[in-house]
Amino acid sequence: MEMKSVTRSLRVLEAVAQHQPVTVGELTKIFGLPKSTLQRTLVTLAEAGWLRASRKDTTRWEIGARVLAVRPAALQGSSLFAAAREPMIRLRDTVNETIHLSVPDALQCMVVVDRVDCDQAVRTFHTIGDTSPLHATAVGRAILAHLPRRDVEDLIAAGLERFSDTTPVEPDELRAELDRIRTDGYAVNRNQYRPGVCAVAAAVLDEDGTPLAAVAVSMPEARYDGARTPKWGRLVADTAAEISQRRLGA
């Protein structure tokens, strides 16, 4: 019996999330349905924003921005969101720059799930649900520094995309940067992803050391001061540690 259309759509969405980027042929083998049926389902989900064609190979499908935007909304009732809000506000009040909280979507990307704006006339802005690559951002590298080495090597093997002249795309360069982050306790991004945007971030860890999220202070390059980076790093690292403790009820 053929799956009802809504059930089929949900199952296709789940399959794409699990196997992305995935082709219609691969989904055909999973479901045992005609390619034409699956193609119609994929196109319908893409038109609604739930799926998208892969940027690297348009014959493959991956999760779209709408799924990533729904996840932050669901997170707002979680212990992580509740634990992070007050420390983020205090950090914003201390540095008067934008503060944002991001969570990893496996090794695919970082997703912004919360933001506290500053009152600067010129400031950075991150839409809830925005995604960014792990290797090119402070929040992403803060997460990578606490992941098992095999995960880092998997990310490197998949290829490191260059977004600017300073994006760390050489494997040894990225490995050395992750070593520094583990030593210093914070990550720094200076124009490595978006031009003119700088950030300092630290990981929020679970009780077993697993990175759950990263909190960052973000600012235009015009206000970035290398001499103040260690101070910002300590503030961000202390905020991340407080979020971890609050989430665990400490």
Protein backbone atom coordinates (compact mmCIF):
# COMPACT_ATOMS: atom_id res chain seq x y z
CA MET A 1 0.00 0.00 0.00
CA GLU A 2 1.38 3.42 -0.97
CA MET A 3 2.18 5.77 1.92
CA LYS A 4 -0.21 8.65 2.32
CA SER A 5 1.24 11.85 0.92
CA VAL A 6 1.79 13.61 4.25
CA THR A 7 3.38 10.56 5.86
CA ARG A 8 5.51 10.04 2.78
CA SER A 9 6.68 13.66 2.85
CA LEU A 10 7.68 13.40 6.50
CA ARG A 11 9.54 10.16 5.91
CA VAL A 12 11.34 11.62 2.92
CA LEU A 13 12.30 14.65 5.02
CA GLU A 14 13.68 12.35 7.73
CA ALA A 15 15.59 10.29 5.16
CA VAL A 16 17.18 13.37 3.61
CA ALA A 17 18.21 14.60 7.07
CA GLN A 18 19.83 11.25 7.80
CA HIS A 19 21.58 10.69 4.46
CA GLN A 20 22.16 14.21 3.09
CA PRO A 21 23.26 15.11 0.51
CA VAL A 22 21.23 12.36 -1.15
CA THR A 23 20.08 11.66 -4.72
CA VAL A 24 16.63 10.67 -5.93
CA GLY A 25 18.07 7.28 -6.92
CA GLU A 26 19.34 6.66 -3.39
CA LEU A 27 15.94 7.57 -1.95
CA THR A 28 14.29 5.22 -4.43
CA LYS A 29 16.32 2.35 -3.00
CA ILE A 30 15.36 3.35 0.54
CA PHE A 31 11.60 3.61 -0.08
CA GLY A 32 11.06 1.33 -3.06
CA LEU A 33 8.96 4.01 -4.75
CA PRO A 34 9.11 5.29 -8.35
CA LYS A 35 11.60 8.08 -9.00
CA SER A 36 8.79 10.28 -10.35
CA THR A 37 6.87 10.01 -7.07
CA LEU A 38 9.90 10.88 -4.96
CA GLN A 39 10.90 13.69 -7.31
CA ARG A 40 7.46 15.30 -6.92
CA THR A 41 7.74 15.00 -3.13
CA LEU A 42 11.21 16.53 -3.12
CA VAL A 43 10.16 19.44 -5.31
CA THR A 44 7.11 20.13 -3.11
CA LEU A 45 9.26 20.14 0.05
CA ALA A 46 11.82 22.38 -1.67
CA GLU A 47 9.15 24.88 -2.73
CA ALA A 48 8.05 25.09 0.91
CA GLY A 49 11.64 25.67 2.07
CA TRP A 50 12.07 22.34 3.90
CA LEU A 51 14.61 20.98 1.41
CA ARG A 52 17.09 22.46 -1.06
CA ALA A 53 19.41 21.26 -3.80
CA SER A 54 22.99 20.85 -2.57
CA ARG A 55 25.21 23.81 -3.43
CA LYS A 56 28.03 21.48 -4.45
CA ASP A 57 25.92 19.03 -6.49
CA THR A 58 22.44 20.10 -7.60
CA THR A 59 21.43 16.47 -8.23
CA ARG A 60 21.59 15.89 -4.48
CA TRP A 61 19.18 17.08 -1.81
CA GLU A 62 19.75 18.40 1.70
CA ILE A 63 17.82 20.00 4.56
CA GLY A 64 16.60 23.53 3.88
CA ALA A 65 16.66 26.69 5.96
CA ARG A 66 13.06 26.31 7.19
CA VAL A 67 13.93 23.13 9.11
CA LEU A 68 16.89 24.91 10.68
CA ALA A 69 14.69 27.84 11.67
CA VAL A 70 12.07 25.60 13.32
CA ARG A 71 14.68 23.89 15.47
CA PRO A 72 15.70 27.10 17.31
CA ALA A 73 12.04 27.86 18.03
CA ALA A 74 11.63 24.43 19.59
CA LEU A 75 14.81 24.94 21.59
CA GLN A 76 13.40 27.98 23.39
CA GLY A 77 11.73 25.79 25.98
CA SER A 78 14.88 23.77 26.60
CA SER A 79 17.24 23.89 29.56
CA LEU A 80 20.02 25.26 27.33
CA PHE A 81 17.98 28.24 26.16
CA ALA A 82 16.76 29.01 29.68
CA ALA A 83 20.26 28.74 31.14
CA ALA A 84 21.83 30.95 28.49
CA ARG A 85 19.54 33.95 28.40
CA GLU A 86 20.56 35.87 31.55
CA PRO A 87 24.34 35.30 31.15
CA MET A 88 24.08 36.49 27.53
CA ILE A 89 22.30 39.68 28.62
CA ARG A 90 24.98 40.38 31.24
CA LEU A 91 27.73 39.82 28.68
CA ARG A 92 25.99 42.22 26.28
CA ASP A 93 25.74 44.83 29.03
CA THR A 94 29.46 44.44 29.77
CA VAL A 95 30.82 44.72 26.21
CA ASN A 96 27.92 46.50 24.43
CA GLU A 97 28.20 44.25 21.39
CA THR A 98 25.86 41.65 19.85
CA ILE A 99 25.81 38.31 21.67
CA HIS A 100 24.56 35.16 19.99
CA LEU A 101 24.14 31.50 20.87
CA SER A 102 24.62 28.82 18.20
CA VAL A 103 24.25 25.05 18.21
CA PRO A 104 25.93 22.53 15.88
CA ASP A 105 23.90 20.62 13.32
CA ALA A 106 26.25 17.60 13.36
CA LEU A 107 29.23 18.62 11.19
CA GLN A 108 26.98 20.32 8.63
CA CYS A 109 26.83 23.82 10.11
CA MET A 110 26.23 26.01 13.13
CA VAL A 111 22.69 27.35 13.65
CA VAL A 112 21.94 30.62 15.48
CA VAL A 113 19.30 29.93 18.14
CA ASP A 114 19.31 33.11 20.21
CA ARG A 115 20.62 36.65 20.03
CA VAL A 116 20.91 39.65 22.37
CA ASP A 117 21.38 42.94 20.53
CA CYS A 118 23.49 45.87 21.68
CA ASP A 119 22.56 49.55 21.29
CA GLN A 120 25.43 50.49 18.98
CA ALA A 121 24.31 52.43 15.90
CA VAL A 122 26.41 50.09 13.74
CA ARG A 123 26.35 46.48 14.86
CA THR A 124 26.40 42.94 13.57
CA PHE A 125 23.13 41.10 13.04
CA HIS A 126 22.42 37.37 13.03
CA THR A 127 18.96 36.13 12.10
CA ILE A 128 17.63 33.29 14.25
CA GLY A 129 18.06 30.18 12.13
CA ASP A 130 21.09 31.52 10.23
CA THR A 131 23.66 28.86 9.44
CA SER A 132 27.43 29.06 9.10
CA PRO A 133 30.31 26.61 8.50
CA LEU A 134 32.19 25.20 11.46
CA HIS A 135 35.73 25.73 10.19
CA ALA A 136 35.29 29.37 9.16
CA THR A 137 33.65 30.83 12.29
CA ALA A 138 34.52 31.40 15.93
CA VAL A 139 31.43 29.52 17.17
CA GLY A 140 32.17 26.61 14.84
CA ARG A 141 35.82 26.28 15.81
CA ALA A 142 34.90 26.57 19.49
CA ILE A 143 32.76 23.46 18.94
CA LEU A 144 35.36 21.66 16.81
CA ALA A 145 38.03 22.13 19.48
CA HIS A 146 35.99 19.91 21.83
CA LEU A 147 34.91 17.24 19.36
CA PRO A 148 36.69 13.88 18.97
CA ARG A 149 39.66 14.05 16.58
CA ARG A 150 37.92 11.69 14.15
CA ASP A 151 35.10 14.21 13.70
CA VAL A 152 37.61 16.94 12.89
CA GLU A 153 39.32 14.67 10.38
CA ASP A 154 35.95 13.83 8.80
CA LEU A 155 35.27 17.54 8.38
CA ILE A 156 38.69 18.08 6.83
CA ALA A 157 38.25 15.11 4.49
CA ALA A 158 34.96 16.58 3.23
CA GLY A 159 36.83 19.72 2.12
CA LEU A 160 37.27 23.14 3.72
CA GLU A 161 35.60 25.87 1.69
CA ARG A 162 37.32 29.24 1.42
CA PHE A 163 35.17 32.28 2.20
CA SER A 164 37.92 34.91 2.50
CA ASP A 165 41.69 35.24 2.25
CA THR A 166 41.98 34.36 5.93
CA THR A 167 39.64 31.33 6.10
CA PRO A 168 41.62 28.37 7.53
CA VAL A 169 41.43 25.89 4.64
CA GLU A 170 44.74 24.08 5.13
CA PRO A 171 44.29 21.03 7.40
CA ASP A 172 47.41 21.70 9.49
CA GLU A 173 46.37 25.34 9.91
CA LEU A 174 42.97 24.32 11.22
CA ARG A 175 44.42 21.66 13.54
CA ALA A 176 46.88 24.20 14.98
CA GLU A 177 44.07 26.71 15.52
CA LEU A 178 41.99 24.11 17.38
CA ASP A 179 44.99 23.35 19.61
CA ARG A 180 45.23 27.07 20.43
CA ILE A 181 41.52 27.24 21.24
CA ARG A 182 41.81 24.30 23.63
CA THR A 183 44.71 26.07 25.36
CA ASP A 184 43.20 29.57 25.51
CA GLY A 185 39.58 28.56 26.04
CA TYR A 186 38.11 30.71 23.26
CA ALA A 187 38.06 31.06 19.46
CA VAL A 188 38.53 34.18 17.34
CA ASN A 189 37.13 35.01 13.91
CA ARG A 190 38.43 38.05 12.09
CA ASN A 191 36.90 38.34 8.62
CA GLN A 192 37.26 34.60 8.07
CA TYR A 193 33.63 34.10 7.03
CA ARG A 194 31.81 37.36 6.45
CA PRO A 195 33.82 40.45 5.44
CA GLY A 196 33.97 43.11 8.13
CA VAL A 197 32.62 40.83 10.88
CA CYS A 198 34.67 39.68 13.86
CA ALA A 199 33.75 37.45 16.79
CA VAL A 200 35.11 35.80 19.92
CA ALA A 201 33.40 32.59 21.05
CA ALA A 202 33.57 29.79 23.61
CA ALA A 203 31.89 26.40 23.86
CA VAL A 204 29.10 25.50 26.27
CA LEU A 205 29.92 21.98 27.48
CA ASP A 206 27.83 19.14 28.86
CA GLU A 207 28.94 17.41 32.05
CA ASP A 208 30.97 14.87 30.03
CA GLY A 209 32.73 17.58 28.02
CA THR A 210 30.53 17.29 24.93
CA PRO A 211 30.08 20.70 23.23
CA LEU A 212 26.38 21.58 23.16
CA ALA A 213 26.55 25.15 21.88
CA ALA A 214 28.81 28.16 21.53
CA VAL A 215 28.25 31.69 22.80
CA ALA A 216 29.91 34.59 20.99
CA VAL A 217 30.42 38.32 21.13
CA SER A 218 30.22 39.69 17.60
CA MET A 219 31.26 43.12 16.31
CA PRO A 220 32.10 45.07 13.13
CA GLU A 221 35.79 44.95 12.25
CA ALA A 222 36.03 48.69 12.93
CA ARG A 223 35.54 48.01 16.66
CA TYR A 224 37.72 44.91 16.85
CA ASP A 225 40.84 45.51 18.95
CA GLY A 226 43.44 42.75 19.04
CA ALA A 227 44.81 44.05 22.32
CA ARG A 228 41.42 43.52 23.97
CA THR A 229 40.91 40.01 22.57
CA PRO A 230 42.24 38.18 25.67
CA LYS A 231 39.82 40.17 27.86
CA TRP A 232 36.89 39.43 25.55
CA GLY A 233 37.98 35.80 25.44
CA ARG A 234 37.92 35.50 29.23
CA LEU A 235 34.49 37.15 29.42
CA VAL A 236 33.05 34.85 26.76
CA ALA A 237 34.65 31.75 28.30
CA ASP A 238 33.28 32.70 31.73
CA THR A 239 29.81 33.22 30.21
CA ALA A 240 29.95 29.81 28.50
CA ALA A 241 31.01 28.17 31.76
CA GLU A 242 28.16 29.87 33.64
CA ILE A 243 25.65 28.65 31.05
CA SER A 244 26.98 25.12 31.45
CA GLN A 245 26.68 25.31 35.25
CA ARG A 246 23.19 26.82 35.16
CA ARG A 247 21.99 24.15 32.74
CA LEU A 248 23.27 21.42 35.04
CA GLY A 249 21.65 23.09 38.04
CA ALA A 250 24.95 23.93 39.73
